[in-house]
PDB file of N, CA and C in Angstrom:
ATOM      1  N   UNK A   1     104.122 105.238 123.911  1.00  0.00           N
ATOM      2  CA  UNK A   1     103.229 104.133 123.620  1.00  0.00           C
ATOM      3  C   UNK A   1     103.829 103.324 122.481  1.00  0.00           C
ATOM      4  N   UNK A   2     103.855 102.014 122.668  1.00  0.00           N
ATOM      5  CA  UNK A   2     104.416 101.151 121.633  1.00  0.00           C
ATOM      6  C   UNK A   2     103.331 100.763 120.634  1.00  0.00           C
ATOM      7  N   UNK A   3     103.779 100.261 119.510  1.00  0.00           N
ATOM      8  CA  UNK A   3     102.839  99.829 118.474  1.00  0.00           C
ATOM      9  C   UNK A   3     101.888  98.764 118.996  1.00  0.00           C
ATOM     10  N   UNK A   4     102.381  97.891 119.876  1.00  0.00           N
ATOM     11  CA  UNK A   4     101.558  96.816 120.410  1.00  0.00           C
ATOM     12  C   UNK A   4     100.420  97.346 121.283  1.00  0.00           C
ATOM     13  N   UNK A   5     100.576  98.552 121.816  1.00  0.00           N
ATOM     14  CA  UNK A   5      99.541  99.146 122.661  1.00  0.00           C
ATOM     15  C   UNK A   5      98.380  99.710 121.846  1.00  0.00           C
ATOM     16  N   UNK A   6      98.571  99.874 120.550  1.00  0.00           N
ATOM     17  CA  UNK A   6      97.515 100.402 119.684  1.00  0.00           C
ATOM     18  C   UNK A   6      96.707  99.227 119.159  1.00  0.00           C
ATOM     19  N   UNK A   7      95.517  99.073 119.685  1.00  0.00           N
ATOM     20  CA  UNK A   7      94.640  97.964 119.297  1.00  0.00           C
ATOM     21  C   UNK A   7      93.783  98.371 118.106  1.00  0.00           C
ATOM     22  N   UNK A   8      93.220  97.407 117.426  1.00  0.00           N
ATOM     23  CA  UNK A   8      92.369  97.676 116.257  1.00  0.00           C
ATOM     24  C   UNK A   8      91.173  98.542 116.598  1.00  0.00           C
ATOM     25  N   UNK A   9      90.685  98.434 117.848  1.00  0.00           N
ATOM     26  CA  UNK A   9      89.516  99.194 118.254  1.00  0.00           C
ATOM     27  C   UNK A   9      89.839 100.381 119.162  1.00  0.00           C
ATOM     28  N   UNK A  10      91.136 100.703 119.314  1.00  0.00           N
ATOM     29  CA  UNK A  10      91.523 101.889 120.092  1.00  0.00           C
ATOM     30  C   UNK A  10      90.984 103.133 119.410  1.00  0.00           C
ATOM     31  N   UNK A  11      90.445 104.055 120.196  1.00  0.00           N
ATOM     32  CA  UNK A  11      89.947 105.320 119.648  1.00  0.00           C
ATOM     33  C   UNK A  11      91.137 106.260 119.474  1.00  0.00           C
ATOM     34  N   UNK A  12      91.309 106.756 118.248  1.00  0.00           N
ATOM     35  CA  UNK A  12      92.426 107.635 117.892  1.00  0.00           C
ATOM     36  C   UNK A  12      91.890 108.979 117.433  1.00  0.00           C
ATOM     37  N   UNK A  13      92.603 110.046 117.777  1.00  0.00           N
ATOM     38  CA  UNK A  13      92.232 111.381 117.313  1.00  0.00           C
ATOM     39  C   UNK A  13      93.454 112.296 117.396  1.00  0.00           C
ATOM     40  N   UNK A  14      93.463 113.294 116.550  1.00  0.00           N
ATOM     41  CA  UNK A  14      94.542 114.292 116.594  1.00  0.00           C
ATOM     42  C   UNK A  14      94.504 115.018 117.937  1.00  0.00           C
ATOM     43  N   UNK A  15      95.679 115.442 118.398  1.00  0.00           N
ATOM     44  CA  UNK A  15      95.732 116.196 119.647  1.00  0.00           C
ATOM     45  C   UNK A  15      95.469 117.678 119.414  1.00  0.00           C
ATOM     46  N   UNK A  16      95.748 118.153 118.228  1.00  0.00           N
ATOM     47  CA  UNK A  16      95.509 119.562 117.915  1.00  0.00           C
ATOM     48  C   UNK A  16      95.407 119.731 116.400  1.00  0.00           C
ATOM     49  N   UNK A  17      94.957 120.883 116.009  1.00  0.00           N
ATOM     50  CA  UNK A  17      94.860 121.194 114.590  1.00  0.00           C
ATOM     51  C   UNK A  17      96.103 121.992 114.188  1.00  0.00           C
ATOM     52  N   UNK A  18      96.987 121.349 113.481  1.00  0.00           N
ATOM     53  CA  UNK A  18      98.187 122.030 113.007  1.00  0.00           C
ATOM     54  C   UNK A  18      97.885 122.734 111.696  1.00  0.00           C
ATOM     55  N   UNK A  19      98.500 123.889 111.480  1.00  0.00           N
ATOM     56  CA  UNK A  19      98.353 124.534 110.170  1.00  0.00           C
ATOM     57  C   UNK A  19      98.861 123.590 109.084  1.00  0.00           C
ATOM     58  N   UNK A  20      98.099 123.502 108.002  1.00  0.00           N
ATOM     59  CA  UNK A  20      98.460 122.598 106.916  1.00  0.00           C
ATOM     60  C   UNK A  20      98.360 123.326 105.586  1.00  0.00           C
ATOM     61  N   UNK A  21      99.203 122.916 104.663  1.00  0.00           N
ATOM     62  CA  UNK A  21      99.158 123.446 103.297  1.00  0.00           C
ATOM     63  C   UNK A  21      99.145 122.270 102.337  1.00  0.00           C
ATOM     64  N   UNK A  22      98.217 122.318 101.393  1.00  0.00           N
ATOM     65  CA  UNK A  22      98.166 121.285 100.370  1.00  0.00           C
ATOM     66  C   UNK A  22      99.096 121.688  99.235  1.00  0.00           C
ATOM     67  N   UNK A  23     100.003 120.782  98.896  1.00  0.00           N
ATOM     68  CA  UNK A  23     100.974 121.056  97.835  1.00  0.00           C
ATOM     69  C   UNK A  23     100.566 120.432  96.517  1.00  0.00           C
ATOM     70  N   UNK A  24      99.521 119.689  96.536  1.00  0.00           N
ATOM     71  CA  UNK A  24      99.021 119.011  95.350  1.00  0.00           C
ATOM     72  C   UNK A  24      97.867 118.138  95.760  1.00  0.00           C
ATOM     73  N   UNK A  25      97.350 117.353  94.842  1.00  0.00           N
ATOM     74  CA  UNK A  25      96.181 116.538  95.159  1.00  0.00           C
ATOM     75  C   UNK A  25      96.460 115.455  96.198  1.00  0.00           C
ATOM     76  N   UNK A  26      97.722 115.065  96.369  1.00  0.00           N
ATOM     77  CA  UNK A  26      98.044 113.999  97.318  1.00  0.00           C
ATOM     78  C   UNK A  26      99.097 114.393  98.342  1.00  0.00           C
ATOM     79  N   UNK A  27      99.493 115.650  98.395  1.00  0.00           N
ATOM     80  CA  UNK A  27     100.573 116.078  99.288  1.00  0.00           C
ATOM     81  C   UNK A  27     100.108 117.168 100.241  1.00  0.00           C
ATOM     82  N   UNK A  28     100.426 116.993 101.513  1.00  0.00           N
ATOM     83  CA  UNK A  28     100.104 117.975 102.536  1.00  0.00           C
ATOM     84  C   UNK A  28     101.332 118.182 103.411  1.00  0.00           C
ATOM     85  N   UNK A  29     101.569 119.424 103.814  1.00  0.00           N
ATOM     86  CA  UNK A  29     102.639 119.744 104.744  1.00  0.00           C
ATOM     87  C   UNK A  29     101.994 120.322 105.998  1.00  0.00           C
ATOM     88  N   UNK A  30     102.392 119.799 107.162  1.00  0.00           N
ATOM     89  CA  UNK A  30     101.914 120.290 108.445  1.00  0.00           C
ATOM     90  C   UNK A  30     103.029 121.064 109.121  1.00  0.00           C
ATOM     91  N   UNK A  31     102.679 122.108 109.850  1.00  0.00           N
ATOM     92  CA  UNK A  31     103.664 122.893 110.582  1.00  0.00           C
ATOM     93  C   UNK A  31     103.356 122.830 112.064  1.00  0.00           C
ATOM     94  N   UNK A  32     104.291 122.312 112.820  1.00  0.00           N
ATOM     95  CA  UNK A  32     104.208 122.347 114.272  1.00  0.00           C
ATOM     96  C   UNK A  32     105.117 123.492 114.716  1.00  0.00           C
ATOM     97  N   UNK A  33     104.547 124.701 114.764  1.00  0.00           N
ATOM     98  CA  UNK A  33     105.330 125.903 115.059  1.00  0.00           C
ATOM     99  C   UNK A  33     105.931 125.859 116.456  1.00  0.00           C
ATOM    100  N   UNK A  34     105.241 125.229 117.375  1.00  0.00           N
ATOM    101  CA  UNK A  34     105.736 125.129 118.744  1.00  0.00           C
ATOM    102  C   UNK A  34     107.067 124.385 118.804  1.00  0.00           C
ATOM    103  N   UNK A  35     107.192 123.356 117.995  1.00  0.00           N
ATOM    104  CA  UNK A  35     108.421 122.559 117.951  1.00  0.00           C
ATOM    105  C   UNK A  35     109.342 122.981 116.817  1.00  0.00           C
ATOM    106  N   UNK A  36     108.842 123.789 115.886  1.00  0.00           N
ATOM    107  CA  UNK A  36     109.632 124.191 114.736  1.00  0.00           C
ATOM    108  C   UNK A  36     109.882 123.038 113.777  1.00  0.00           C
ATOM    109  N   UNK A  37     108.843 122.200 113.577  1.00  0.00           N
ATOM    110  CA  UNK A  37     108.987 121.007 112.757  1.00  0.00           C
ATOM    111  C   UNK A  37     107.914 120.993 111.671  1.00  0.00           C
ATOM    112  N   UNK A  38     108.338 120.589 110.484  1.00  0.00           N
ATOM    113  CA  UNK A  38     107.412 120.377 109.374  1.00  0.00           C
ATOM    114  C   UNK A  38     107.231 118.878 109.178  1.00  0.00           C
ATOM    115  N   UNK A  39     106.032 118.483 108.806  1.00  0.00           N
ATOM    116  CA  UNK A  39     105.751 117.090 108.478  1.00  0.00           C
ATOM    117  C   UNK A  39     105.174 117.047 107.069  1.00  0.00           C
ATOM    118  N   UNK A  40     105.745 116.240 106.210  1.00  0.00           N
ATOM    119  CA  UNK A  40     105.227 116.062 104.859  1.00  0.00           C
ATOM    120  C   UNK A  40     104.442 114.764 104.780  1.00  0.00           C
ATOM    121  N   UNK A  41     103.214 114.865 104.314  1.00  0.00           N
ATOM    122  CA  UNK A  41     102.352 113.688 104.207  1.00  0.00           C
ATOM    123  C   UNK A  41     101.886 113.536 102.771  1.00  0.00           C
ATOM    124  N   UNK A  42     101.958 112.319 102.268  1.00  0.00           N
ATOM    125  CA  UNK A  42     101.460 112.061 100.919  1.00  0.00           C
ATOM    126  C   UNK A  42     100.791 110.694 100.877  1.00  0.00           C
ATOM    127  N   UNK A  43      99.918 110.518  99.916  1.00  0.00           N
ATOM    128  CA  UNK A  43      99.247 109.241  99.704  1.00  0.00           C
ATOM    129  C   UNK A  43      98.532 108.734 100.941  1.00  0.00           C
ATOM    130  N   UNK A  44      98.818 107.489 101.338  1.00  0.00           N
ATOM    131  CA  UNK A  44      98.129 106.904 102.486  1.00  0.00           C
ATOM    132  C   UNK A  44      98.339 107.680 103.786  1.00  0.00           C
ATOM    133  N   UNK A  45      99.520 108.241 103.985  1.00  0.00           N
ATOM    134  CA  UNK A  45      99.778 109.014 105.208  1.00  0.00           C
ATOM    135  C   UNK A  45      98.840 110.211 105.288  1.00  0.00           C
ATOM    136  N   UNK A  46      98.640 110.856 104.172  1.00  0.00           N
ATOM    137  CA  UNK A  46      97.719 112.000 104.145  1.00  0.00           C
ATOM    138  C   UNK A  46      96.293 111.535 104.438  1.00  0.00           C
ATOM    139  N   UNK A  47      95.901 110.416 103.857  1.00  0.00           N
ATOM    140  CA  UNK A  47      94.559 109.896 104.083  1.00  0.00           C
ATOM    141  C   UNK A  47      94.365 109.521 105.559  1.00  0.00           C
ATOM    142  N   UNK A  48      95.373 108.937 106.176  1.00  0.00           N
ATOM    143  CA  UNK A  48      95.294 108.610 107.598  1.00  0.00           C
ATOM    144  C   UNK A  48      95.129 109.886 108.409  1.00  0.00           C
ATOM    145  N   UNK A  49      95.921 110.899 108.106  1.00  0.00           N
ATOM    146  CA  UNK A  49      95.840 112.177 108.821  1.00  0.00           C
ATOM    147  C   UNK A  49      94.434 112.768 108.716  1.00  0.00           C
ATOM    148  N   UNK A  50      93.863 112.718 107.533  1.00  0.00           N
ATOM    149  CA  UNK A  50      92.506 113.232 107.340  1.00  0.00           C
ATOM    150  C   UNK A  50      91.502 112.463 108.190  1.00  0.00           C
ATOM    151  N   UNK A  51      91.618 111.136 108.220  1.00  0.00           N
ATOM    152  CA  UNK A  51      90.706 110.317 109.022  1.00  0.00           C
ATOM    153  C   UNK A  51      90.831 110.646 110.507  1.00  0.00           C
ATOM    154  N   UNK A  52      92.028 111.040 110.939  1.00  0.00           N
ATOM    155  CA  UNK A  52      92.265 111.340 112.348  1.00  0.00           C
ATOM    156  C   UNK A  52      91.711 112.698 112.775  1.00  0.00           C
ATOM    157  N   UNK A  53      91.093 113.435 111.865  1.00  0.00           N
ATOM    158  CA  UNK A  53      90.480 114.718 112.238  1.00  0.00           C
ATOM    159  C   UNK A  53      89.240 114.485 113.108  1.00  0.00           C
ATOM    160  N   UNK A  54      88.716 113.274 113.077  1.00  0.00           N
ATOM    161  CA  UNK A  54      87.599 112.861 113.928  1.00  0.00           C
ATOM    162  C   UNK A  54      88.021 111.590 114.657  1.00  0.00           C
ATOM    163  N   UNK A  55      87.330 111.289 115.738  1.00  0.00           N
ATOM    164  CA  UNK A  55      87.631 110.031 116.415  1.00  0.00           C
ATOM    165  C   UNK A  55      87.431 108.882 115.439  1.00  0.00           C
ATOM    166  N   UNK A  56      88.401 107.987 115.405  1.00  0.00           N
ATOM    167  CA  UNK A  56      88.351 106.833 114.510  1.00  0.00           C
ATOM    168  C   UNK A  56      89.149 105.713 115.141  1.00  0.00           C
ATOM    169  N   UNK A  57      89.149 104.575 114.520  1.00  0.00           N
ATOM    170  CA  UNK A  57      89.922 103.438 115.006  1.00  0.00           C
ATOM    171  C   UNK A  57      90.885 102.979 113.926  1.00  0.00           C
ATOM    172  N   UNK A  58      91.866 102.215 114.324  1.00  0.00           N
ATOM    173  CA  UNK A  58      92.800 101.621 113.376  1.00  0.00           C
ATOM    174  C   UNK A  58      92.030 100.760 112.383  1.00  0.00           C
ATOM    175  N   UNK A  59      91.040 100.045 112.863  1.00  0.00           N
ATOM    176  CA  UNK A  59      90.215  99.203 112.004  1.00  0.00           C
ATOM    177  C   UNK A  59      89.504 100.029 110.930  1.00  0.00           C
ATOM    178  N   UNK A  60      88.907 101.159 111.326  1.00  0.00           N
ATOM    179  CA  UNK A  60      88.220 102.028 110.358  1.00  0.00           C
ATOM    180  C   UNK A  60      89.193 102.594 109.319  1.00  0.00           C
ATOM    181  N   UNK A  61      90.354 102.998 109.776  1.00  0.00           N
ATOM    182  CA  UNK A  61      91.357 103.548 108.860  1.00  0.00           C
ATOM    183  C   UNK A  61      91.755 102.486 107.835  1.00  0.00           C
ATOM    184  N   UNK A  62      92.020 101.276 108.303  1.00  0.00           N
ATOM    185  CA  UNK A  62      92.458 100.216 107.391  1.00  0.00           C
ATOM    186  C   UNK A  62      91.347  99.771 106.451  1.00  0.00           C
ATOM    187  N   UNK A  63      90.117  99.823 106.894  1.00  0.00           N
ATOM    188  CA  UNK A  63      89.007  99.504 105.996  1.00  0.00           C
ATOM    189  C   UNK A  63      89.003 100.482 104.828  1.00  0.00           C
ATOM    190  N   UNK A  64      89.206 101.754 105.120  1.00  0.00           N
ATOM    191  CA  UNK A  64      89.253 102.775 104.075  1.00  0.00           C
ATOM    192  C   UNK A  64      90.464 102.583 103.159  1.00  0.00           C
ATOM    193  N   UNK A  65      91.623 102.354 103.750  1.00  0.00           N
ATOM    194  CA  UNK A  65      92.849 102.225 102.956  1.00  0.00           C
ATOM    195  C   UNK A  65      92.831 100.996 102.045  1.00  0.00           C
ATOM    196  N   UNK A  66      92.295  99.887 102.535  1.00  0.00           N
ATOM    197  CA  UNK A  66      92.285  98.684 101.697  1.00  0.00           C
ATOM    198  C   UNK A  66      91.306  98.806 100.538  1.00  0.00           C
ATOM    199  N   UNK A  67      90.343  99.715 100.645  1.00  0.00           N
ATOM    200  CA  UNK A  67      89.445  99.984  99.524  1.00  0.00           C
ATOM    201  C   UNK A  67      90.140 100.839  98.461  1.00  0.00           C
ATOM    202  N   UNK A  68      91.006 101.745  98.915  1.00  0.00           N
ATOM    203  CA  UNK A  68      91.624 102.711  98.012  1.00  0.00           C
ATOM    204  C   UNK A  68      92.996 102.290  97.477  1.00  0.00           C
ATOM    205  N   UNK A  69      93.653 101.341  98.146  1.00  0.00           N
ATOM    206  CA  UNK A  69      95.001 100.932  97.749  1.00  0.00           C
ATOM    207  C   UNK A  69      95.068  99.411  97.645  1.00  0.00           C
ATOM    208  N   UNK A  70      95.962  98.949  96.821  1.00  0.00           N
ATOM    209  CA  UNK A  70      96.174  97.515  96.651  1.00  0.00           C
ATOM    210  C   UNK A  70      97.122  97.042  97.755  1.00  0.00           C
ATOM    211  N   UNK A  71      96.539  96.745  98.915  1.00  0.00           N
ATOM    212  CA  UNK A  71      97.327  96.331 100.071  1.00  0.00           C
ATOM    213  C   UNK A  71      96.548  95.273 100.848  1.00  0.00           C
ATOM    214  N   UNK A  72      97.270  94.284 101.329  1.00  0.00           N
ATOM    215  CA  UNK A  72      96.654  93.247 102.155  1.00  0.00           C
ATOM    216  C   UNK A  72      96.316  93.841 103.527  1.00  0.00           C
ATOM    217  N   UNK A  73      95.255  93.348 104.106  1.00  0.00           N
ATOM    218  CA  UNK A  73      94.771  93.872 105.389  1.00  0.00           C
ATOM    219  C   UNK A  73      95.852  93.807 106.482  1.00  0.00           C
ATOM    220  N   UNK A  74      96.540  92.675 106.607  1.00  0.00           N
ATOM    221  CA  UNK A  74      97.569  92.536 107.644  1.00  0.00           C
ATOM    222  C   UNK A  74      98.695  93.541 107.461  1.00  0.00           C
ATOM    223  N   UNK A  75      99.118  93.745 106.209  1.00  0.00           N
ATOM    224  CA  UNK A  75     100.182  94.712 105.936  1.00  0.00           C
ATOM    225  C   UNK A  75      99.704  96.127 106.232  1.00  0.00           C
ATOM    226  N   UNK A  76      98.468  96.415 105.855  1.00  0.00           N
ATOM    227  CA  UNK A  76      97.896  97.733 106.117  1.00  0.00           C
ATOM    228  C   UNK A  76      97.872  98.020 107.619  1.00  0.00           C
ATOM    229  N   UNK A  77      97.429  97.052 108.394  1.00  0.00           N
ATOM    230  CA  UNK A  77      97.360  97.244 109.847  1.00  0.00           C
ATOM    231  C   UNK A  77      98.745  97.459 110.445  1.00  0.00           C
ATOM    232  N   UNK A  78      99.716  96.692 110.000  1.00  0.00           N
ATOM    233  CA  UNK A  78     101.080  96.835 110.529  1.00  0.00           C
ATOM    234  C   UNK A  78     101.654  98.206 110.180  1.00  0.00           C
ATOM    235  N   UNK A  79     101.508  98.612 108.915  1.00  0.00           N
ATOM    236  CA  UNK A  79     102.048  99.907 108.477  1.00  0.00           C
ATOM    237  C   UNK A  79     101.313 101.067 109.139  1.00  0.00           C
ATOM    238  N   UNK A  80     100.001 100.966 109.236  1.00  0.00           N
ATOM    239  CA  UNK A  80      99.212 102.042 109.838  1.00  0.00           C
ATOM    240  C   UNK A  80      99.512 102.139 111.326  1.00  0.00           C
ATOM    241  N   UNK A  81      99.623 101.019 111.993  1.00  0.00           N
ATOM    242  CA  UNK A  81      99.954 101.012 113.423  1.00  0.00           C
ATOM    243  C   UNK A  81     101.313 101.694 113.656  1.00  0.00           C
ATOM    244  N   UNK A  82     102.290 101.392 112.807  1.00  0.00           N
ATOM    245  CA  UNK A  82     103.618 102.003 112.943  1.00  0.00           C
ATOM    246  C   UNK A  82     103.550 103.513 112.721  1.00  0.00           C
ATOM    247  N   UNK A  83     102.795 103.937 111.708  1.00  0.00           N
ATOM    248  CA  UNK A  83     102.667 105.367 111.420  1.00  0.00           C
ATOM    249  C   UNK A  83     101.949 106.088 112.553  1.00  0.00           C
ATOM    250  N   UNK A  84     100.863 105.515 113.047  1.00  0.00           N
ATOM    251  CA  UNK A  84     100.116 106.135 114.146  1.00  0.00           C
ATOM    252  C   UNK A  84     100.983 106.202 115.400  1.00  0.00           C
ATOM    253  N   UNK A  85     101.778 105.163 115.659  1.00  0.00           N
ATOM    254  CA  UNK A  85     102.681 105.184 116.816  1.00  0.00           C
ATOM    255  C   UNK A  85     103.676 106.340 116.699  1.00  0.00           C
ATOM    256  N   UNK A  86     104.148 106.597 115.484  1.00  0.00           N
ATOM    257  CA  UNK A  86     105.062 107.721 115.253  1.00  0.00           C
ATOM    258  C   UNK A  86     104.353 109.054 115.506  1.00  0.00           C
ATOM    259  N   UNK A  87     103.100 109.166 115.061  1.00  0.00           N
ATOM    260  CA  UNK A  87     102.330 110.383 115.312  1.00  0.00           C
ATOM    261  C   UNK A  87     102.108 110.585 116.805  1.00  0.00           C
ATOM    262  N   UNK A  88     101.836 109.514 117.522  1.00  0.00           N
ATOM    263  CA  UNK A  88     101.651 109.593 118.975  1.00  0.00           C
ATOM    264  C   UNK A  88     102.950 110.021 119.636  1.00  0.00           C
ATOM    265  N   UNK A  89     104.050 109.428 119.221  1.00  0.00           N
ATOM    266  CA  UNK A  89     105.367 109.757 119.775  1.00  0.00           C
ATOM    267  C   UNK A  89     105.702 111.237 119.579  1.00  0.00           C
ATOM    268  N   UNK A  90     105.240 111.808 118.461  1.00  0.00           N
ATOM    269  CA  UNK A  90     105.497 113.216 118.176  1.00  0.00           C
ATOM    270  C   UNK A  90     104.423 114.139 118.749  1.00  0.00           C
ATOM    271  N   UNK A  91     103.497 113.577 119.509  1.00  0.00           N
ATOM    272  CA  UNK A  91     102.477 114.387 120.168  1.00  0.00           C
ATOM    273  C   UNK A  91     101.372 114.886 119.256  1.00  0.00           C
ATOM    274  N   UNK A  92     101.188 114.270 118.095  1.00  0.00           N
ATOM    275  CA  UNK A  92     100.203 114.736 117.136  1.00  0.00           C
ATOM    276  C   UNK A  92      98.869 114.000 117.245  1.00  0.00           C
ATOM    277  N   UNK A  93      98.890 112.825 117.854  1.00  0.00           N
ATOM    278  CA  UNK A  93      97.706 111.977 117.972  1.00  0.00           C
ATOM    279  C   UNK A  93      97.681 111.388 119.376  1.00  0.00           C
ATOM    280  N   UNK A  94      96.481 111.137 119.870  1.00  0.00           N
ATOM    281  CA  UNK A  94      96.362 110.467 121.170  1.00  0.00           C
ATOM    282  C   UNK A  94      95.380 109.313 121.055  1.00  0.00           C
ATOM    283  N   UNK A  95      95.523 108.388 121.989  1.00  0.00           N
ATOM    284  CA  UNK A  95      94.635 107.236 122.082  1.00  0.00           C
ATOM    285  C   UNK A  95      93.713 107.472 123.263  1.00  0.00           C
ATOM    286  N   UNK A  96      92.427 107.237 123.022  1.00  0.00           N
ATOM    287  CA  UNK A  96      91.440 107.385 124.118  1.00  0.00           C
ATOM    288  C   UNK A  96      90.951 106.029 124.538  1.00  0.00           C
TER     289      UNK A  96
END
């Protein structure tokens, strides 16, 4: 799925619950044992991952991020869309 296929109102959710370890107040490491891959998430990436524990939309994620970070809405949407596309590509998130 390309970034352009992820719409602001697309329903997004994690595909599975990966084991996670918090390394600090803003750092999380995920383990995909099936693939033998670790993912390190910090700051906004971690916040996006947390939001994806329930069905949510790109719009909802960006509303939260723009409240917590000094980022323009358009930039937030572009960056979040790219990150979510990467999560989808790695089989960690799906679009409904």
